């Protein structure tokens, strides 16, 4: 399967946490194409552009696994949004938001999963 564009945004983050996010994406073998940082009232907003291969996974499953690993690396909840462009599920792509309820559900579910 060919790579598809993925944009993720995370907020609020400290400058140190931005480095942790980028390190975790590298550990997951997800090459970063571009990053943008914007001031946020409680820290920074980080936007990361990637290209990912979903293989046999759905965009949701891929995102849930990636997000759980990011939260684990950060050691806390931050709001994360994912936009898969041109994913096979819809013509317009797939938009996913991960809130605190997802954090409480996903983090325990993926705590023993291996990294990408």
N, C-alpha and C. Protein backbone atom coordinates (compact mmCIF):
# COMPACT_ATOMS: atom_id res chain seq x y z
N UNK A 1 0.85 -1.18 0.00
CA UNK A 1 0.00 0.00 0.00
C UNK A 1 0.89 1.24 0.00
N UNK A 2 0.49 2.23 -0.74
CA UNK A 2 1.28 3.45 -0.81
C UNK A 2 1.01 4.33 0.42
N UNK A 3 1.91 5.23 0.64
CA UNK A 3 1.80 6.12 1.80
C UNK A 3 0.72 7.16 1.57
N UNK A 4 0.01 7.50 2.64
CA UNK A 4 -0.99 8.56 2.57
C UNK A 4 -0.61 9.67 3.53
N UNK A 5 -0.99 10.91 3.21
CA UNK A 5 -0.68 12.03 4.10
C UNK A 5 -1.47 11.95 5.40
N UNK A 6 -0.79 12.25 6.49
CA UNK A 6 -1.40 12.31 7.82
C UNK A 6 -0.93 13.59 8.49
N UNK A 7 -1.87 14.34 9.03
CA UNK A 7 -1.54 15.51 9.84
C UNK A 7 -2.04 15.25 11.25
N UNK A 8 -1.17 15.48 12.22
CA UNK A 8 -1.60 15.37 13.62
C UNK A 8 -1.32 16.70 14.31
N UNK A 9 -2.23 17.07 15.19
CA UNK A 9 -2.02 18.26 16.00
C UNK A 9 -2.16 17.87 17.46
N UNK A 10 -1.31 18.46 18.29
CA UNK A 10 -1.28 18.15 19.72
C UNK A 10 -1.22 19.46 20.48
N UNK A 11 -1.99 19.57 21.55
CA UNK A 11 -1.95 20.79 22.39
C UNK A 11 -2.58 20.49 23.73
N UNK A 12 -2.16 21.18 24.75
CA UNK A 12 -1.00 22.07 24.84
C UNK A 12 0.26 21.27 25.18
N UNK A 13 1.38 21.73 24.65
CA UNK A 13 2.66 21.08 24.89
C UNK A 13 3.70 22.10 25.34
N UNK A 14 4.63 21.66 26.15
CA UNK A 14 5.79 22.48 26.49
C UNK A 14 6.85 22.25 25.41
N UNK A 15 7.86 23.10 25.32
CA UNK A 15 8.94 22.85 24.35
C UNK A 15 9.60 21.48 24.56
N UNK A 16 9.79 21.06 25.79
CA UNK A 16 10.37 19.74 26.08
C UNK A 16 9.46 18.62 25.56
N UNK A 17 8.15 18.79 25.73
CA UNK A 17 7.21 17.77 25.26
C UNK A 17 7.17 17.69 23.73
N UNK A 18 7.40 18.80 23.06
CA UNK A 18 7.48 18.77 21.59
C UNK A 18 8.62 17.84 21.17
N UNK A 19 9.75 17.97 21.84
CA UNK A 19 10.89 17.09 21.56
C UNK A 19 10.54 15.63 21.82
N UNK A 20 9.79 15.35 22.90
CA UNK A 20 9.37 13.98 23.21
C UNK A 20 8.47 13.42 22.12
N UNK A 21 7.55 14.23 21.61
CA UNK A 21 6.65 13.79 20.54
C UNK A 21 7.45 13.42 19.30
N UNK A 22 8.36 14.29 18.91
CA UNK A 22 9.16 14.03 17.70
C UNK A 22 10.05 12.81 17.88
N UNK A 23 10.59 12.62 19.06
CA UNK A 23 11.40 11.43 19.35
C UNK A 23 10.54 10.17 19.26
N UNK A 24 9.34 10.21 19.82
CA UNK A 24 8.46 9.04 19.78
C UNK A 24 8.03 8.72 18.35
N UNK A 25 7.76 9.72 17.54
CA UNK A 25 7.42 9.46 16.14
C UNK A 25 8.59 8.79 15.42
N UNK A 26 9.80 9.22 15.72
CA UNK A 26 10.99 8.59 15.13
C UNK A 26 11.11 7.15 15.60
N UNK A 27 10.82 6.89 16.88
CA UNK A 27 10.87 5.51 17.40
C UNK A 27 9.85 4.62 16.71
N UNK A 28 8.73 5.22 16.32
CA UNK A 28 7.69 4.47 15.63
C UNK A 28 7.96 4.36 14.13
N UNK A 29 9.12 4.84 13.70
CA UNK A 29 9.53 4.81 12.29
C UNK A 29 8.55 5.57 11.42
N UNK A 30 8.06 6.69 11.92
CA UNK A 30 7.16 7.56 11.18
C UNK A 30 7.92 8.84 10.83
N UNK A 31 8.43 8.92 9.60
CA UNK A 31 9.23 10.08 9.23
C UNK A 31 8.39 11.35 9.15
N UNK A 32 8.89 12.38 9.80
CA UNK A 32 8.21 13.67 9.84
C UNK A 32 8.59 14.47 8.59
N UNK A 33 7.59 14.96 7.88
CA UNK A 33 7.85 15.79 6.70
C UNK A 33 7.99 17.26 7.07
N UNK A 34 7.14 17.71 8.01
CA UNK A 34 7.15 19.12 8.40
C UNK A 34 6.51 19.27 9.76
N UNK A 35 7.01 20.22 10.54
CA UNK A 35 6.39 20.56 11.82
C UNK A 35 6.13 22.06 11.85
N UNK A 36 5.08 22.43 12.55
CA UNK A 36 4.76 23.84 12.79
C UNK A 36 4.38 23.98 14.26
N UNK A 37 4.91 25.01 14.89
CA UNK A 37 4.60 25.28 16.30
C UNK A 37 3.92 26.63 16.38
N UNK A 38 2.84 26.67 17.17
CA UNK A 38 2.12 27.92 17.36
C UNK A 38 1.93 28.14 18.85
N UNK A 39 2.00 29.40 19.28
CA UNK A 39 1.73 29.68 20.69
C UNK A 39 0.31 29.27 21.06
N UNK A 40 0.15 28.81 22.26
CA UNK A 40 -1.15 28.38 22.81
C UNK A 40 -1.23 29.00 24.19
N UNK A 41 -2.41 29.36 24.65
CA UNK A 41 -2.51 29.99 25.98
C UNK A 41 -1.84 29.21 27.11
N UNK A 42 -1.76 27.88 26.98
CA UNK A 42 -1.13 27.07 28.04
C UNK A 42 0.10 26.33 27.53
N UNK A 43 0.78 26.84 26.52
CA UNK A 43 1.97 26.17 26.00
C UNK A 43 2.08 26.38 24.50
N UNK A 44 2.21 25.29 23.75
CA UNK A 44 2.34 25.34 22.30
C UNK A 44 1.37 24.36 21.65
N UNK A 45 0.99 24.68 20.43
CA UNK A 45 0.26 23.76 19.55
C UNK A 45 1.29 23.24 18.56
N UNK A 46 1.34 21.94 18.39
CA UNK A 46 2.26 21.32 17.45
C UNK A 46 1.46 20.67 16.34
N UNK A 47 1.79 21.00 15.09
CA UNK A 47 1.20 20.35 13.92
C UNK A 47 2.32 19.59 13.24
N UNK A 48 2.09 18.31 12.98
CA UNK A 48 3.10 17.45 12.36
C UNK A 48 2.49 16.85 11.09
N UNK A 49 3.22 16.94 10.00
CA UNK A 49 2.81 16.32 8.75
C UNK A 49 3.70 15.11 8.49
N UNK A 50 3.04 13.99 8.17
CA UNK A 50 3.72 12.72 7.93
C UNK A 50 3.12 12.07 6.69
N UNK A 51 3.79 11.04 6.21
CA UNK A 51 3.19 10.12 5.25
C UNK A 51 3.29 8.75 5.87
N UNK A 52 2.17 8.03 5.91
CA UNK A 52 2.15 6.74 6.58
C UNK A 52 1.58 5.67 5.67
N UNK A 53 2.02 4.45 5.89
CA UNK A 53 1.47 3.29 5.19
C UNK A 53 0.59 2.54 6.19
N UNK A 54 -0.66 2.38 5.86
CA UNK A 54 -1.60 1.73 6.79
C UNK A 54 -1.54 0.21 6.72
N UNK A 55 -0.99 -0.34 5.64
CA UNK A 55 -0.94 -1.79 5.45
C UNK A 55 -2.35 -2.35 5.58
N UNK A 56 -2.60 -3.21 6.54
CA UNK A 56 -3.93 -3.83 6.71
C UNK A 56 -4.80 -3.09 7.72
N UNK A 57 -4.30 -2.01 8.29
CA UNK A 57 -5.02 -1.31 9.36
C UNK A 57 -5.99 -0.27 8.80
N UNK A 58 -7.02 0.01 9.57
CA UNK A 58 -7.89 1.14 9.26
C UNK A 58 -7.22 2.41 9.79
N UNK A 59 -7.62 3.56 9.27
CA UNK A 59 -7.07 4.81 9.83
C UNK A 59 -7.30 4.93 11.34
N UNK A 60 -8.47 4.53 11.82
CA UNK A 60 -8.77 4.63 13.25
C UNK A 60 -7.82 3.76 14.08
N UNK A 61 -7.63 2.51 13.67
CA UNK A 61 -6.76 1.61 14.43
C UNK A 61 -5.33 2.14 14.43
N UNK A 62 -4.83 2.58 13.29
CA UNK A 62 -3.49 3.14 13.20
C UNK A 62 -3.36 4.34 14.13
N UNK A 63 -4.33 5.25 14.08
CA UNK A 63 -4.29 6.46 14.90
C UNK A 63 -4.38 6.13 16.39
N UNK A 64 -5.25 5.22 16.77
CA UNK A 64 -5.38 4.86 18.18
C UNK A 64 -4.06 4.33 18.73
N UNK A 65 -3.41 3.48 17.98
CA UNK A 65 -2.14 2.91 18.42
C UNK A 65 -1.06 3.99 18.52
N UNK A 66 -0.98 4.84 17.50
CA UNK A 66 0.01 5.91 17.50
C UNK A 66 -0.22 6.89 18.65
N UNK A 67 -1.46 7.28 18.85
CA UNK A 67 -1.83 8.24 19.90
C UNK A 67 -1.53 7.66 21.29
N UNK A 68 -1.84 6.39 21.50
CA UNK A 68 -1.55 5.77 22.80
C UNK A 68 -0.05 5.81 23.09
N UNK A 69 0.77 5.54 22.09
CA UNK A 69 2.22 5.60 22.28
C UNK A 69 2.69 7.03 22.54
N UNK A 70 2.09 8.01 21.89
CA UNK A 70 2.45 9.41 22.14
C UNK A 70 2.10 9.80 23.57
N UNK A 71 0.90 9.44 24.03
CA UNK A 71 0.50 9.76 25.40
C UNK A 71 1.43 9.08 26.40
N UNK A 72 1.78 7.83 26.12
CA UNK A 72 2.69 7.12 27.01
C UNK A 72 4.04 7.83 27.08
N UNK A 73 4.54 8.27 25.95
CA UNK A 73 5.83 8.98 25.92
C UNK A 73 5.76 10.30 26.68
N UNK A 74 4.62 10.99 26.59
CA UNK A 74 4.45 12.27 27.28
C UNK A 74 4.17 12.08 28.77
N UNK A 75 3.56 10.96 29.11
CA UNK A 75 3.22 10.70 30.51
C UNK A 75 1.99 11.44 30.99
N UNK A 76 1.21 11.97 30.06
CA UNK A 76 -0.02 12.69 30.43
C UNK A 76 -0.91 12.85 29.20
N UNK A 77 -2.12 13.32 29.47
CA UNK A 77 -3.07 13.59 28.39
C UNK A 77 -2.78 14.93 27.73
N UNK A 78 -2.82 14.95 26.42
CA UNK A 78 -2.93 16.17 25.62
C UNK A 78 -3.93 15.87 24.52
N UNK A 79 -4.64 16.88 24.08
CA UNK A 79 -5.62 16.71 23.02
C UNK A 79 -4.88 16.47 21.71
N UNK A 80 -5.31 15.43 20.97
CA UNK A 80 -4.67 15.08 19.70
C UNK A 80 -5.75 14.92 18.64
N UNK A 81 -5.50 15.52 17.48
CA UNK A 81 -6.37 15.36 16.32
C UNK A 81 -5.56 14.79 15.17
N UNK A 82 -6.18 13.91 14.39
CA UNK A 82 -5.52 13.28 13.25
C UNK A 82 -6.37 13.48 12.00
N UNK A 83 -5.72 13.84 10.91
CA UNK A 83 -6.41 14.00 9.63
C UNK A 83 -5.68 13.14 8.60
N UNK A 84 -6.35 12.07 8.15
CA UNK A 84 -5.84 11.22 7.10
C UNK A 84 -6.43 11.71 5.79
N UNK A 85 -5.62 12.21 4.91
CA UNK A 85 -6.11 12.67 3.61
C UNK A 85 -6.31 11.49 2.68
N UNK A 86 -7.37 11.54 1.92
CA UNK A 86 -7.58 10.59 0.85
C UNK A 86 -7.56 9.14 1.32
N UNK A 87 -7.98 8.90 2.55
CA UNK A 87 -8.05 7.52 3.05
C UNK A 87 -9.15 6.77 2.32
N UNK A 88 -9.06 5.47 2.29
CA UNK A 88 -9.99 4.67 1.50
C UNK A 88 -11.41 4.65 2.07
N UNK A 89 -11.59 5.04 3.33
CA UNK A 89 -12.93 4.95 3.92
C UNK A 89 -13.90 6.00 3.37
N UNK A 90 -13.41 7.18 3.04
CA UNK A 90 -14.27 8.21 2.47
C UNK A 90 -13.48 8.99 1.43
N UNK A 91 -14.19 9.66 0.58
CA UNK A 91 -13.54 10.49 -0.43
C UNK A 91 -12.82 11.66 0.22
N UNK A 92 -13.39 12.19 1.29
CA UNK A 92 -12.84 13.39 1.93
C UNK A 92 -11.74 13.10 2.94
N UNK A 93 -11.45 11.86 3.23
CA UNK A 93 -10.46 11.54 4.24
C UNK A 93 -11.12 11.22 5.57
N UNK A 94 -10.29 11.07 6.59
CA UNK A 94 -10.78 10.69 7.91
C UNK A 94 -10.22 11.66 8.94
N UNK A 95 -11.12 12.24 9.73
CA UNK A 95 -10.74 13.17 10.80
C UNK A 95 -11.07 12.50 12.13
N UNK A 96 -10.08 12.43 13.03
CA UNK A 96 -10.28 11.80 14.34
C UNK A 96 -9.78 12.73 15.44
N UNK A 97 -10.60 12.93 16.47
CA UNK A 97 -10.21 13.70 17.65
C UNK A 97 -10.10 12.76 18.83
N UNK A 98 -9.05 12.92 19.61
CA UNK A 98 -8.84 12.09 20.79
C UNK A 98 -8.88 12.97 22.03
N UNK A 99 -9.88 12.71 22.87
CA UNK A 99 -10.13 13.50 24.07
C UNK A 99 -9.71 12.72 25.32
N UNK A 100 -9.98 13.29 26.47
CA UNK A 100 -9.56 12.66 27.73
C UNK A 100 -10.24 11.31 27.97
N UNK A 101 -11.47 11.14 27.51
CA UNK A 101 -12.12 9.83 27.66
C UNK A 101 -11.39 8.77 26.84
N UNK A 102 -10.89 9.16 25.67
CA UNK A 102 -10.10 8.24 24.85
C UNK A 102 -8.79 7.89 25.56
N UNK A 103 -8.20 8.87 26.21
CA UNK A 103 -6.96 8.66 26.95
C UNK A 103 -7.15 7.56 28.00
N UNK A 104 -8.26 7.65 28.76
CA UNK A 104 -8.52 6.66 29.81
C UNK A 104 -8.80 5.27 29.23
N UNK A 105 -9.32 5.21 28.01
CA UNK A 105 -9.63 3.93 27.38
C UNK A 105 -8.43 3.35 26.63
N UNK A 106 -7.77 4.18 25.82
CA UNK A 106 -6.72 3.68 24.93
C UNK A 106 -5.40 3.38 25.63
N UNK A 107 -5.02 4.21 26.58
CA UNK A 107 -3.71 4.01 27.20
C UNK A 107 -3.60 2.62 27.84
N UNK A 108 -4.57 2.18 28.64
CA UNK A 108 -4.46 0.82 29.20
C UNK A 108 -4.54 -0.26 28.12
N UNK A 109 -5.33 -0.03 27.07
CA UNK A 109 -5.50 -1.04 26.02
C UNK A 109 -4.22 -1.28 25.24
N UNK A 110 -3.39 -0.26 25.10
CA UNK A 110 -2.17 -0.38 24.30
C UNK A 110 -0.90 -0.42 25.13
N UNK A 111 -1.00 -0.51 26.44
CA UNK A 111 0.18 -0.41 27.29
C UNK A 111 1.20 -1.53 27.04
N UNK A 112 0.75 -2.66 26.58
CA UNK A 112 1.67 -3.77 26.35
C UNK A 112 1.96 -4.00 24.86
N UNK A 113 1.42 -3.17 23.98
CA UNK A 113 1.64 -3.37 22.56
C UNK A 113 3.05 -2.96 22.17
N UNK A 114 3.57 -3.62 21.18
CA UNK A 114 4.92 -3.25 20.73
C UNK A 114 4.83 -2.01 19.87
N UNK A 115 5.92 -1.32 19.81
CA UNK A 115 5.97 -0.10 19.00
C UNK A 115 6.04 -0.49 17.53
N UNK A 116 5.72 0.42 16.67
CA UNK A 116 5.68 0.20 15.22
C UNK A 116 6.91 -0.50 14.74
